[in-house]
Amino acid sequence: LDNISFAVLFLTMLCYWVGVAFPNLSILPKIGTTGMIIANF
């Protein structure tokens, strides 16, 4: 679980950052939010 948490948060960070760089990719921030929920659980 600690490895999964790290991997999910790393991918989540990338989704948020790329989502800001490319605002037209509106799905990325939504994936980021989902990643935060998964990491929290």
PDB file of all heavy atoms in Angstrom:
ATOM      1  N   LEU A   1       0.809  -1.214   0.000  1.00  0.00           N
ATOM      2  CA  LEU A   1       0.000   0.000   0.000  1.00  0.00           C
ATOM      3  C   LEU A   1       0.847   1.270   0.000  1.00  0.00           C
ATOM      4  O   LEU A   1       0.479   2.262  -0.632  1.00  0.00           O
ATOM      5  CB  LEU A   1      -0.939   0.004   1.206  1.00  0.00           C
ATOM      6  CG  LEU A   1      -2.115  -0.981   1.133  1.00  0.00           C
ATOM      7  CD1 LEU A   1      -2.850  -1.038   2.464  1.00  0.00           C
ATOM      8  CD2 LEU A   1      -3.073  -0.589   0.015  1.00  0.00           C
ATOM      9  N   ASP A   2       1.985   1.263   0.706  1.00  0.00           N
ATOM     10  CA  ASP A   2       2.793   2.476   0.687  1.00  0.00           C
ATOM     11  C   ASP A   2       3.403   2.716  -0.690  1.00  0.00           C
ATOM     12  O   ASP A   2       3.518   3.854  -1.153  1.00  0.00           O
ATOM     13  CB  ASP A   2       3.847   2.491   1.801  1.00  0.00           C
ATOM     14  CG  ASP A   2       4.905   1.415   1.673  1.00  0.00           C
ATOM     15  OD1 ASP A   2       4.976   0.762   0.625  1.00  0.00           O
ATOM     16  OD2 ASP A   2       5.674   1.231   2.637  1.00  0.00           O
ATOM     17  N   ASN A   3       3.756   1.627  -1.398  1.00  0.00           N
ATOM     18  CA  ASN A   3       4.254   1.774  -2.765  1.00  0.00           C
ATOM     19  C   ASN A   3       3.153   2.219  -3.724  1.00  0.00           C
ATOM     20  O   ASN A   3       3.384   3.044  -4.624  1.00  0.00           O
ATOM     21  CB  ASN A   3       4.880   0.465  -3.252  1.00  0.00           C
ATOM     22  CG  ASN A   3       6.192   0.151  -2.553  1.00  0.00           C
ATOM     23  OD1 ASN A   3       6.992   1.048  -2.304  1.00  0.00           O
ATOM     24  ND2 ASN A   3       6.412  -1.119  -2.215  1.00  0.00           N
ATOM     25  N   ILE A   4       1.951   1.658  -3.525  1.00  0.00           N
ATOM     26  CA  ILE A   4       0.823   2.071  -4.362  1.00  0.00           C
ATOM     27  C   ILE A   4       0.516   3.553  -4.138  1.00  0.00           C
ATOM     28  O   ILE A   4       0.259   4.304  -5.096  1.00  0.00           O
ATOM     29  CB  ILE A   4      -0.411   1.202  -4.057  1.00  0.00           C
ATOM     30  CG1 ILE A   4      -0.215  -0.217  -4.582  1.00  0.00           C
ATOM     31  CG2 ILE A   4      -1.678   1.822  -4.657  1.00  0.00           C
ATOM     32  CD1 ILE A   4      -1.334  -1.173  -4.217  1.00  0.00           C
ATOM     33  N   SER A   5       0.536   3.981  -2.885  1.00  0.00           N
ATOM     34  CA  SER A   5       0.254   5.384  -2.563  1.00  0.00           C
ATOM     35  C   SER A   5       1.238   6.303  -3.263  1.00  0.00           C
ATOM     36  O   SER A   5       0.854   7.334  -3.844  1.00  0.00           O
ATOM     37  CB  SER A   5       0.318   5.601  -1.057  1.00  0.00           C
ATOM     38  OG  SER A   5      -0.611   4.784  -0.380  1.00  0.00           O
ATOM     39  N   PHE A   6       2.512   5.944  -3.206  1.00  0.00           N
ATOM     40  CA  PHE A   6       3.532   6.761  -3.872  1.00  0.00           C
ATOM     41  C   PHE A   6       3.296   6.812  -5.378  1.00  0.00           C
ATOM     42  O   PHE A   6       3.319   7.895  -5.988  1.00  0.00           O
ATOM     43  CB  PHE A   6       4.922   6.206  -3.576  1.00  0.00           C
ATOM     44  CG  PHE A   6       5.997   6.767  -4.475  1.00  0.00           C
ATOM     45  CD1 PHE A   6       6.403   8.096  -4.355  1.00  0.00           C
ATOM     46  CD2 PHE A   6       6.584   5.969  -5.445  1.00  0.00           C
ATOM     47  CE1 PHE A   6       7.379   8.612  -5.197  1.00  0.00           C
ATOM     48  CE2 PHE A   6       7.557   6.471  -6.277  1.00  0.00           C
ATOM     49  CZ  PHE A   6       7.959   7.804  -6.157  1.00  0.00           C
ATOM     50  N   ALA A   7       3.042   5.654  -5.994  1.00  0.00           N
ATOM     51  CA  ALA A   7       2.851   5.604  -7.447  1.00  0.00           C
ATOM     52  C   ALA A   7       1.621   6.406  -7.869  1.00  0.00           C
ATOM     53  O   ALA A   7       1.656   7.168  -8.847  1.00  0.00           O
ATOM     54  CB  ALA A   7       2.727   4.157  -7.907  1.00  0.00           C
ATOM     55  N   VAL A   8       0.524   6.238  -7.123  1.00  0.00           N
ATOM     56  CA  VAL A   8      -0.714   6.950  -7.470  1.00  0.00           C
ATOM     57  C   VAL A   8      -0.527   8.455  -7.321  1.00  0.00           C
ATOM     58  O   VAL A   8      -0.956   9.239  -8.186  1.00  0.00           O
ATOM     59  CB  VAL A   8      -1.879   6.453  -6.589  1.00  0.00           C
ATOM     60  CG1 VAL A   8      -3.097   7.362  -6.741  1.00  0.00           C
ATOM     61  CG2 VAL A   8      -2.242   5.022  -6.947  1.00  0.00           C
ATOM     62  N   LEU A   9       0.118   8.895  -6.248  1.00  0.00           N
ATOM     63  CA  LEU A   9       0.327  10.326  -6.044  1.00  0.00           C
ATOM     64  C   LEU A   9       1.279  10.905  -7.087  1.00  0.00           C
ATOM     65  O   LEU A   9       1.130  12.061  -7.497  1.00  0.00           O
ATOM     66  CB  LEU A   9       0.848  10.584  -4.632  1.00  0.00           C
ATOM     67  CG  LEU A   9      -0.195  10.423  -3.525  1.00  0.00           C
ATOM     68  CD1 LEU A   9       0.451  10.484  -2.149  1.00  0.00           C
ATOM     69  CD2 LEU A   9      -1.277  11.495  -3.640  1.00  0.00           C
ATOM     70  N   PHE A  10       2.257  10.112  -7.515  1.00  0.00           N
ATOM     71  CA  PHE A  10       3.158  10.583  -8.569  1.00  0.00           C
ATOM     72  C   PHE A  10       2.393  10.804  -9.870  1.00  0.00           C
ATOM     73  O   PHE A  10       2.541  11.845 -10.531  1.00  0.00           O
ATOM     74  CB  PHE A  10       4.291   9.577  -8.771  1.00  0.00           C
ATOM     75  CG  PHE A  10       5.258   9.969  -9.857  1.00  0.00           C
ATOM     76  CD1 PHE A  10       6.192  10.973  -9.640  1.00  0.00           C
ATOM     77  CD2 PHE A  10       5.225   9.331 -11.094  1.00  0.00           C
ATOM     78  CE1 PHE A  10       7.080  11.344 -10.641  1.00  0.00           C
ATOM     79  CE2 PHE A  10       6.106   9.697 -12.092  1.00  0.00           C
ATOM     80  CZ  PHE A  10       7.038  10.705 -11.871  1.00  0.00           C
ATOM     81  N   LEU A  11       1.558   9.831 -10.258  1.00  0.00           N
ATOM     82  CA  LEU A  11       0.749   9.977 -11.463  1.00  0.00           C
ATOM     83  C   LEU A  11      -0.270  11.106 -11.315  1.00  0.00           C
ATOM     84  O   LEU A  11      -0.561  11.829 -12.278  1.00  0.00           O
ATOM     85  CB  LEU A  11       0.040   8.657 -11.774  1.00  0.00           C
ATOM     86  CG  LEU A  11       0.954   7.475 -12.143  1.00  0.00           C
ATOM     87  CD1 LEU A  11       0.137   6.200 -12.298  1.00  0.00           C
ATOM     88  CD2 LEU A  11       1.730   7.774 -13.417  1.00  0.00           C
ATOM     89  N   THR A  12      -0.802  11.245 -10.103  1.00  0.00           N
ATOM     90  CA  THR A  12      -1.750  12.334  -9.836  1.00  0.00           C
ATOM     91  C   THR A  12      -1.095  13.688 -10.046  1.00  0.00           C
ATOM     92  O   THR A  12      -1.672  14.599 -10.652  1.00  0.00           O
ATOM     93  CB  THR A  12      -2.283  12.220  -8.398  1.00  0.00           C
ATOM     94  OG1 THR A  12      -3.006  10.995  -8.257  1.00  0.00           O
ATOM     95  CG2 THR A  12      -3.204  13.387  -8.063  1.00  0.00           C
ATOM     96  N   MET A  13       0.118  13.837  -9.527  1.00  0.00           N
ATOM     97  CA  MET A  13       0.856  15.083  -9.711  1.00  0.00           C
ATOM     98  C   MET A  13       1.048  15.389 -11.194  1.00  0.00           C
ATOM     99  O   MET A  13       0.844  16.520 -11.646  1.00  0.00           O
ATOM    100  CB  MET A  13       2.207  14.997  -9.004  1.00  0.00           C
ATOM    101  CG  MET A  13       3.072  16.231  -9.154  1.00  0.00           C
ATOM    102  SD  MET A  13       4.737  15.987  -8.484  1.00  0.00           S
ATOM    103  CE  MET A  13       5.411  14.833  -9.699  1.00  0.00           C
ATOM    104  N   LEU A  14       1.429  14.379 -11.972  1.00  0.00           N
ATOM    105  CA  LEU A  14       1.623  14.580 -13.407  1.00  0.00           C
ATOM    106  C   LEU A  14       0.327  15.008 -14.088  1.00  0.00           C
ATOM    107  O   LEU A  14       0.331  15.889 -14.962  1.00  0.00           O
ATOM    108  CB  LEU A  14       2.157  13.301 -14.052  1.00  0.00           C
ATOM    109  CG  LEU A  14       3.574  12.858 -13.649  1.00  0.00           C
ATOM    110  CD1 LEU A  14       3.949  11.574 -14.377  1.00  0.00           C
ATOM    111  CD2 LEU A  14       4.599  13.948 -13.939  1.00  0.00           C
ATOM    112  N   CYS A  15      -0.779  14.396 -13.684  1.00  0.00           N
ATOM    113  CA  CYS A  15      -2.077  14.764 -14.276  1.00  0.00           C
ATOM    114  C   CYS A  15      -2.429  16.213 -13.993  1.00  0.00           C
ATOM    115  O   CYS A  15      -2.884  16.945 -14.890  1.00  0.00           O
ATOM    116  CB  CYS A  15      -3.174  13.839 -13.750  1.00  0.00           C
ATOM    117  SG  CYS A  15      -3.098  12.147 -14.384  1.00  0.00           S
ATOM    118  N   TYR A  16      -2.225  16.651 -12.765  1.00  0.00           N
ATOM    119  CA  TYR A  16      -2.531  18.042 -12.428  1.00  0.00           C
ATOM    120  C   TYR A  16      -1.627  19.004 -13.191  1.00  0.00           C
ATOM    121  O   TYR A  16      -2.088  20.029 -13.712  1.00  0.00           O
ATOM    122  CB  TYR A  16      -2.374  18.263 -10.921  1.00  0.00           C
ATOM    123  CG  TYR A  16      -3.581  17.853 -10.110  1.00  0.00           C
ATOM    124  CD1 TYR A  16      -3.492  16.880  -9.124  1.00  0.00           C
ATOM    125  CD2 TYR A  16      -4.818  18.457 -10.314  1.00  0.00           C
ATOM    126  CE1 TYR A  16      -4.593  16.503  -8.368  1.00  0.00           C
ATOM    127  CE2 TYR A  16      -5.933  18.085  -9.564  1.00  0.00           C
ATOM    128  CZ  TYR A  16      -5.813  17.114  -8.599  1.00  0.00           C
ATOM    129  OH  TYR A  16      -6.906  16.753  -7.865  1.00  0.00           O
ATOM    130  N   TRP A  17      -0.349  18.701 -13.237  1.00  0.00           N
ATOM    131  CA  TRP A  17       0.592  19.597 -13.904  1.00  0.00           C
ATOM    132  C   TRP A  17       0.351  19.667 -15.412  1.00  0.00           C
ATOM    133  O   TRP A  17       0.332  20.746 -15.996  1.00  0.00           O
ATOM    134  CB  TRP A  17       2.034  19.155 -13.617  1.00  0.00           C
ATOM    135  CG  TRP A  17       2.492  19.481 -12.230  1.00  0.00           C
ATOM    136  CD1 TRP A  17       1.727  19.970 -11.210  1.00  0.00           C
ATOM    137  CD2 TRP A  17       3.817  19.342 -11.697  1.00  0.00           C
ATOM    138  NE1 TRP A  17       2.482  20.129 -10.069  1.00  0.00           N
ATOM    139  CE2 TRP A  17       3.771  19.759 -10.351  1.00  0.00           C
ATOM    140  CE3 TRP A  17       5.018  18.886 -12.234  1.00  0.00           C
ATOM    141  CZ2 TRP A  17       4.894  19.743  -9.531  1.00  0.00           C
ATOM    142  CZ3 TRP A  17       6.156  18.879 -11.419  1.00  0.00           C
ATOM    143  CH2 TRP A  17       6.088  19.306 -10.081  1.00  0.00           C
ATOM    144  N   VAL A  18       0.189  18.505 -16.045  1.00  0.00           N
ATOM    145  CA  VAL A  18      -0.070  18.499 -17.487  1.00  0.00           C
ATOM    146  C   VAL A  18      -1.428  19.138 -17.778  1.00  0.00           C
ATOM    147  O   VAL A  18      -1.601  19.838 -18.782  1.00  0.00           O
ATOM    148  CB  VAL A  18      -0.014  17.056 -18.038  1.00  0.00           C
ATOM    149  CG1 VAL A  18      -0.396  17.035 -19.518  1.00  0.00           C
ATOM    150  CG2 VAL A  18       1.384  16.472 -17.856  1.00  0.00           C
ATOM    151  N   GLY A  19      -2.394  18.938 -16.885  1.00  0.00           N
ATOM    152  CA  GLY A  19      -3.703  19.549 -17.062  1.00  0.00           C
ATOM    153  C   GLY A  19      -3.653  21.065 -17.040  1.00  0.00           C
ATOM    154  O   GLY A  19      -4.416  21.737 -17.747  1.00  0.00           O
ATOM    155  N   VAL A  20      -2.755  21.630 -16.237  1.00  0.00           N
ATOM    156  CA  VAL A  20      -2.586  23.084 -16.213  1.00  0.00           C
ATOM    157  C   VAL A  20      -1.862  23.561 -17.461  1.00  0.00           C
ATOM    158  O   VAL A  20      -2.193  24.608 -18.034  1.00  0.00           O
ATOM    159  CB  VAL A  20      -1.818  23.508 -14.941  1.00  0.00           C
ATOM    160  CG1 VAL A  20      -1.393  24.968 -15.026  1.00  0.00           C
ATOM    161  CG2 VAL A  20      -2.680  23.300 -13.712  1.00  0.00           C
ATOM    162  N   ALA A  21      -0.869  22.791 -17.896  1.00  0.00           N
ATOM    163  CA  ALA A  21      -0.108  23.166 -19.091  1.00  0.00           C
ATOM    164  C   ALA A  21      -0.961  23.087 -20.353  1.00  0.00           C
ATOM    165  O   ALA A  21      -0.781  23.867 -21.294  1.00  0.00           O
ATOM    166  CB  ALA A  21       1.122  22.281 -19.229  1.00  0.00           C
ATOM    167  N   PHE A  22      -1.902  22.132 -20.372  1.00  0.00           N
ATOM    168  CA  PHE A  22      -2.779  21.948 -21.544  1.00  0.00           C
ATOM    169  C   PHE A  22      -4.232  21.980 -21.073  1.00  0.00           C
ATOM    170  O   PHE A  22      -4.852  20.930 -20.853  1.00  0.00           O
ATOM    171  CB  PHE A  22      -2.468  20.624 -22.249  1.00  0.00           C
ATOM    172  CG  PHE A  22      -1.045  20.512 -22.730  1.00  0.00           C
ATOM    173  CD1 PHE A  22      -0.088  19.874 -21.950  1.00  0.00           C
ATOM    174  CD2 PHE A  22      -0.665  21.067 -23.952  1.00  0.00           C
ATOM    175  CE1 PHE A  22       1.223  19.771 -22.394  1.00  0.00           C
ATOM    176  CE2 PHE A  22       0.639  20.966 -24.398  1.00  0.00           C
ATOM    177  CZ  PHE A  22       1.589  20.329 -23.618  1.00  0.00           C
ATOM    178  N   PRO A  23      -4.786  23.178 -20.899  1.00  0.00           N
ATOM    179  CA  PRO A  23      -6.146  23.313 -20.342  1.00  0.00           C
ATOM    180  C   PRO A  23      -7.218  22.598 -21.155  1.00  0.00           C
ATOM    181  O   PRO A  23      -8.277  22.261 -20.611  1.00  0.00           O
ATOM    182  CB  PRO A  23      -6.376  24.832 -20.352  1.00  0.00           C
ATOM    183  CG  PRO A  23      -5.008  25.434 -20.431  1.00  0.00           C
ATOM    184  CD  PRO A  23      -4.176  24.473 -21.201  1.00  0.00           C
ATOM    185  N   ASN A  24      -6.971  22.382 -22.443  1.00  0.00           N
ATOM    186  CA  ASN A  24      -7.983  21.721 -23.266  1.00  0.00           C
ATOM    187  C   ASN A  24      -8.185  20.263 -22.883  1.00  0.00           C
ATOM    188  O   ASN A  24      -9.224  19.670 -23.190  1.00  0.00           O
ATOM    189  CB  ASN A  24      -7.592  21.814 -24.745  1.00  0.00           C
ATOM    190  CG  ASN A  24      -7.654  23.241 -25.263  1.00  0.00           C
ATOM    191  OD1 ASN A  24      -8.442  24.048 -24.759  1.00  0.00           O
ATOM    192  ND2 ASN A  24      -6.831  23.560 -26.253  1.00  0.00           N
ATOM    193  N   LEU A  25      -7.181  19.671 -22.222  1.00  0.00           N
ATOM    194  CA  LEU A  25      -7.304  18.277 -21.783  1.00  0.00           C
ATOM    195  C   LEU A  25      -8.018  18.254 -20.432  1.00  0.00           C
ATOM    196  O   LEU A  25      -7.422  18.004 -19.386  1.00  0.00           O
ATOM    197  CB  LEU A  25      -5.922  17.624 -21.691  1.00  0.00           C
ATOM    198  CG  LEU A  25      -5.113  17.576 -22.990  1.00  0.00           C
ATOM    199  CD1 LEU A  25      -3.721  17.006 -22.738  1.00  0.00           C
ATOM    200  CD2 LEU A  25      -5.848  16.731 -24.037  1.00  0.00           C
ATOM    201  N   SER A  26      -9.304  18.511 -20.460  1.00  0.00           N
ATOM    202  CA  SER A  26     -10.072  18.674 -19.225  1.00  0.00           C
ATOM    203  C   SER A  26     -10.184  17.388 -18.416  1.00  0.00           C
ATOM    204  O   SER A  26     -10.502  17.431 -17.221  1.00  0.00           O
ATOM    205  CB  SER A  26     -11.474  19.197 -19.538  1.00  0.00           C
ATOM    206  OG  SER A  26     -12.149  18.299 -20.420  1.00  0.00           O
ATOM    207  N   ILE A  27      -9.919  16.252 -19.062  1.00  0.00           N
ATOM    208  CA  ILE A  27     -10.052  14.980 -18.346  1.00  0.00           C
ATOM    209  C   ILE A  27      -8.918  14.772 -17.346  1.00  0.00           C
ATOM    210  O   ILE A  27      -9.086  14.066 -16.346  1.00  0.00           O
ATOM    211  CB  ILE A  27     -10.103  13.809 -19.343  1.00  0.00           C
ATOM    212  CG1 ILE A  27     -10.531  12.530 -18.615  1.00  0.00           C
ATOM    213  CG2 ILE A  27      -8.741  13.618 -20.028  1.00  0.00           C
ATOM    214  CD1 ILE A  27     -10.765  11.346 -19.546  1.00  0.00           C
ATOM    215  N   LEU A  28      -7.756  15.395 -17.573  1.00  0.00           N
ATOM    216  CA  LEU A  28      -6.607  15.158 -16.700  1.00  0.00           C
ATOM    217  C   LEU A  28      -6.844  15.626 -15.259  1.00  0.00           C
ATOM    218  O   LEU A  28      -6.534  14.884 -14.318  1.00  0.00           O
ATOM    219  CB  LEU A  28      -5.357  15.814 -17.290  1.00  0.00           C
ATOM    220  CG  LEU A  28      -4.798  15.149 -18.547  1.00  0.00           C
ATOM    221  CD1 LEU A  28      -3.578  15.911 -19.063  1.00  0.00           C
ATOM    222  CD2 LEU A  28      -4.426  13.704 -18.269  1.00  0.00           C
ATOM    223  N   PRO A  29      -7.370  16.839 -15.043  1.00  0.00           N
ATOM    224  CA  PRO A  29      -7.648  17.222 -13.650  1.00  0.00           C
ATOM    225  C   PRO A  29      -8.655  16.298 -12.968  1.00  0.00           C
ATOM    226  O   PRO A  29      -8.553  16.046 -11.762  1.00  0.00           O
ATOM    227  CB  PRO A  29      -8.209  18.645 -13.786  1.00  0.00           C
ATOM    228  CG  PRO A  29      -7.642  19.148 -15.073  1.00  0.00           C
ATOM    229  CD  PRO A  29      -7.596  17.954 -15.966  1.00  0.00           C
ATOM    230  N   LYS A  30      -9.610  15.774 -13.742  1.00  0.00           N
ATOM    231  CA  LYS A  30     -10.569  14.834 -13.162  1.00  0.00           C
ATOM    232  C   LYS A  30      -9.876  13.540 -12.746  1.00  0.00           C
ATOM    233  O   LYS A  30     -10.183  12.963 -11.700  1.00  0.00           O
ATOM    234  CB  LYS A  30     -11.678  14.545 -14.168  1.00  0.00           C
ATOM    235  CG  LYS A  30     -12.531  15.762 -14.516  1.00  0.00           C
ATOM    236  CD  LYS A  30     -13.586  15.416 -15.545  1.00  0.00           C
ATOM    237  CE  LYS A  30     -14.406  16.650 -15.912  1.00  0.00           C
ATOM    238  NZ  LYS A  30     -15.425  16.348 -16.958  1.00  0.00           N
ATOM    239  N   ILE A  31      -8.917  13.100 -13.575  1.00  0.00           N
ATOM    240  CA  ILE A  31      -8.137  11.920 -13.207  1.00  0.00           C
ATOM    241  C   ILE A  31      -7.314  12.226 -11.958  1.00  0.00           C
ATOM    242  O   ILE A  31      -7.148  11.361 -11.082  1.00  0.00           O
ATOM    243  CB  ILE A  31      -7.221  11.495 -14.371  1.00  0.00           C
ATOM    244  CG1 ILE A  31      -8.060  11.046 -15.567  1.00  0.00           C
ATOM    245  CG2 ILE A  31      -6.272  10.389 -13.938  1.00  0.00           C
ATOM    246  CD1 ILE A  31      -7.245  10.722 -16.804  1.00  0.00           C
ATOM    247  N   GLY A  32      -6.792  13.459 -11.872  1.00  0.00           N
ATOM    248  CA  GLY A  32      -6.031  13.858 -10.689  1.00  0.00           C
ATOM    249  C   GLY A  32      -6.865  13.776  -9.422  1.00  0.00           C
ATOM    250  O   GLY A  32      -6.408  13.278  -8.386  1.00  0.00           O
ATOM    251  N   THR A  33      -8.097  14.260  -9.502  1.00  0.00           N
ATOM    252  CA  THR A  33      -8.992  14.180  -8.339  1.00  0.00           C
ATOM    253  C   THR A  33      -9.258  12.735  -7.952  1.00  0.00           C
ATOM    254  O   THR A  33      -9.241  12.372  -6.766  1.00  0.00           O
ATOM    255  CB  THR A  33     -10.320  14.884  -8.651  1.00  0.00           C
ATOM    256  OG1 THR A  33     -10.074  16.243  -8.997  1.00  0.00           O
ATOM    257  CG2 THR A  33     -11.245  14.840  -7.447  1.00  0.00           C
ATOM    258  N   THR A  34      -9.476  11.891  -8.959  1.00  0.00           N
ATOM    259  CA  THR A  34      -9.686  10.463  -8.693  1.00  0.00           C
ATOM    260  C   THR A  34      -8.452   9.855  -8.043  1.00  0.00           C
ATOM    261  O   THR A  34      -8.558   9.037  -7.118  1.00  0.00           O
ATOM    262  CB  THR A  34     -10.009   9.724 -10.006  1.00  0.00           C
ATOM    263  OG1 THR A  34     -11.155  10.319 -10.620  1.00  0.00           O
ATOM    264  CG2 THR A  34     -10.276   8.248  -9.734  1.00  0.00           C
ATOM    265  N   GLY A  35      -7.276  10.259  -8.509  1.00  0.00           N
ATOM    266  CA  GLY A  35      -6.037   9.764  -7.917  1.00  0.00           C
ATOM    267  C   GLY A  35      -5.904  10.149  -6.455  1.00  0.00           C
ATOM    268  O   GLY A  35      -5.444   9.342  -5.629  1.00  0.00           O
ATOM    269  N   MET A  36      -6.292  11.369  -6.123  1.00  0.00           N
ATOM    270  CA  MET A  36      -6.247  11.801  -4.727  1.00  0.00           C
ATOM    271  C   MET A  36      -7.181  10.957  -3.859  1.00  0.00           C
ATOM    272  O   MET A  36      -6.846  10.603  -2.728  1.00  0.00           O
ATOM    273  CB  MET A  36      -6.629  13.279  -4.615  1.00  0.00           C
ATOM    274  CG  MET A  36      -5.496  14.242  -4.910  1.00  0.00           C
ATOM    275  SD  MET A  36      -4.262  14.196  -3.591  1.00  0.00           S
ATOM    276  CE  MET A  36      -3.229  15.568  -4.065  1.00  0.00           C
ATOM    277  N   ILE A  37      -8.355  10.640  -4.393  1.00  0.00           N
ATOM    278  CA  ILE A  37      -9.306   9.810  -3.651  1.00  0.00           C
ATOM    279  C   ILE A  37      -8.730   8.408  -3.438  1.00  0.00           C
ATOM    280  O   ILE A  37      -8.799   7.848  -2.330  1.00  0.00           O
ATOM    281  CB  ILE A  37     -10.653   9.737  -4.394  1.00  0.00           C
ATOM    282  CG1 ILE A  37     -11.305  11.123  -4.450  1.00  0.00           C
ATOM    283  CG2 ILE A  37     -11.584   8.744  -3.724  1.00  0.00           C
ATOM    284  CD1 ILE A  37     -12.545  11.194  -5.313  1.00  0.00           C
ATOM    285  N   ILE A  38      -8.141   7.839  -4.494  1.00  0.00           N
ATOM    286  CA  ILE A  38      -7.553   6.496  -4.379  1.00  0.00           C
ATOM    287  C   ILE A  38      -6.418   6.503  -3.369  1.00  0.00           C
ATOM    288  O   ILE A  38      -6.308   5.595  -2.524  1.00  0.00           O
ATOM    289  CB  ILE A  38      -7.048   6.020  -5.754  1.00  0.00           C
ATOM    290  CG1 ILE A  38      -8.228   5.811  -6.709  1.00  0.00           C
ATOM    291  CG2 ILE A  38      -6.233   4.734  -5.610  1.00  0.00           C
ATOM    292  CD1 ILE A  38      -7.815   5.514  -8.138  1.00  0.00           C
ATOM    293  N   ALA A  39      -5.549   7.514  -3.436  1.00  0.00           N
ATOM    294  CA  ALA A  39      -4.428   7.598  -2.495  1.00  0.00           C
ATOM    295  C   ALA A  39      -4.926   7.741  -1.067  1.00  0.00           C
ATOM    296  O   ALA A  39      -4.377   7.134  -0.139  1.00  0.00           O
ATOM    297  CB  ALA A  39      -3.522   8.781  -2.860  1.00  0.00           C
ATOM    298  N   ASN A  40      -5.978   8.532  -0.876  1.00  0.00           N
ATOM    299  CA  ASN A  40      -6.538   8.715   0.457  1.00  0.00           C
ATOM    300  C   ASN A  40      -7.028   7.393   1.032  1.00  0.00           C
ATOM    301  O   ASN A  40      -6.751   7.060   2.193  1.00  0.00           O
ATOM    302  CB  ASN A  40      -7.681   9.735   0.390  1.00  0.00           C
ATOM    303  CG  ASN A  40      -8.295  10.029   1.744  1.00  0.00           C
ATOM    304  OD1 ASN A  40      -9.217   9.349   2.172  1.00  0.00           O
ATOM    305  ND2 ASN A  40      -7.787  11.041   2.422  1.00  0.00           N
ATOM    306  N   PHE A  41      -7.738   6.597   0.219  1.00  0.00           N
ATOM    307  CA  PHE A  41      -8.246   5.300   0.688  1.00  0.00           C
ATOM    308  C   PHE A  41      -7.106   4.303   0.898  1.00  0.00           C
ATOM    309  O   PHE A  41      -7.142   3.502   1.841  1.00  0.00           O
ATOM    310  CB  PHE A  41      -9.271   4.749  -0.304  1.00  0.00           C
ATOM    311  CG  PHE A  41     -10.654   5.296  -0.102  1.00  0.00           C
ATOM    312  CD1 PHE A  41     -11.175   6.252  -0.966  1.00  0.00           C
ATOM    313  CD2 PHE A  41     -11.446   4.867   0.951  1.00  0.00           C
ATOM    314  CE1 PHE A  41     -12.439   6.777  -0.773  1.00  0.00           C
ATOM    315  CE2 PHE A  41     -12.720   5.379   1.156  1.00  0.00           C
ATOM    316  CZ  PHE A  41     -13.218   6.340   0.291  1.00  0.00           C
TER     317      PHE A  41
END
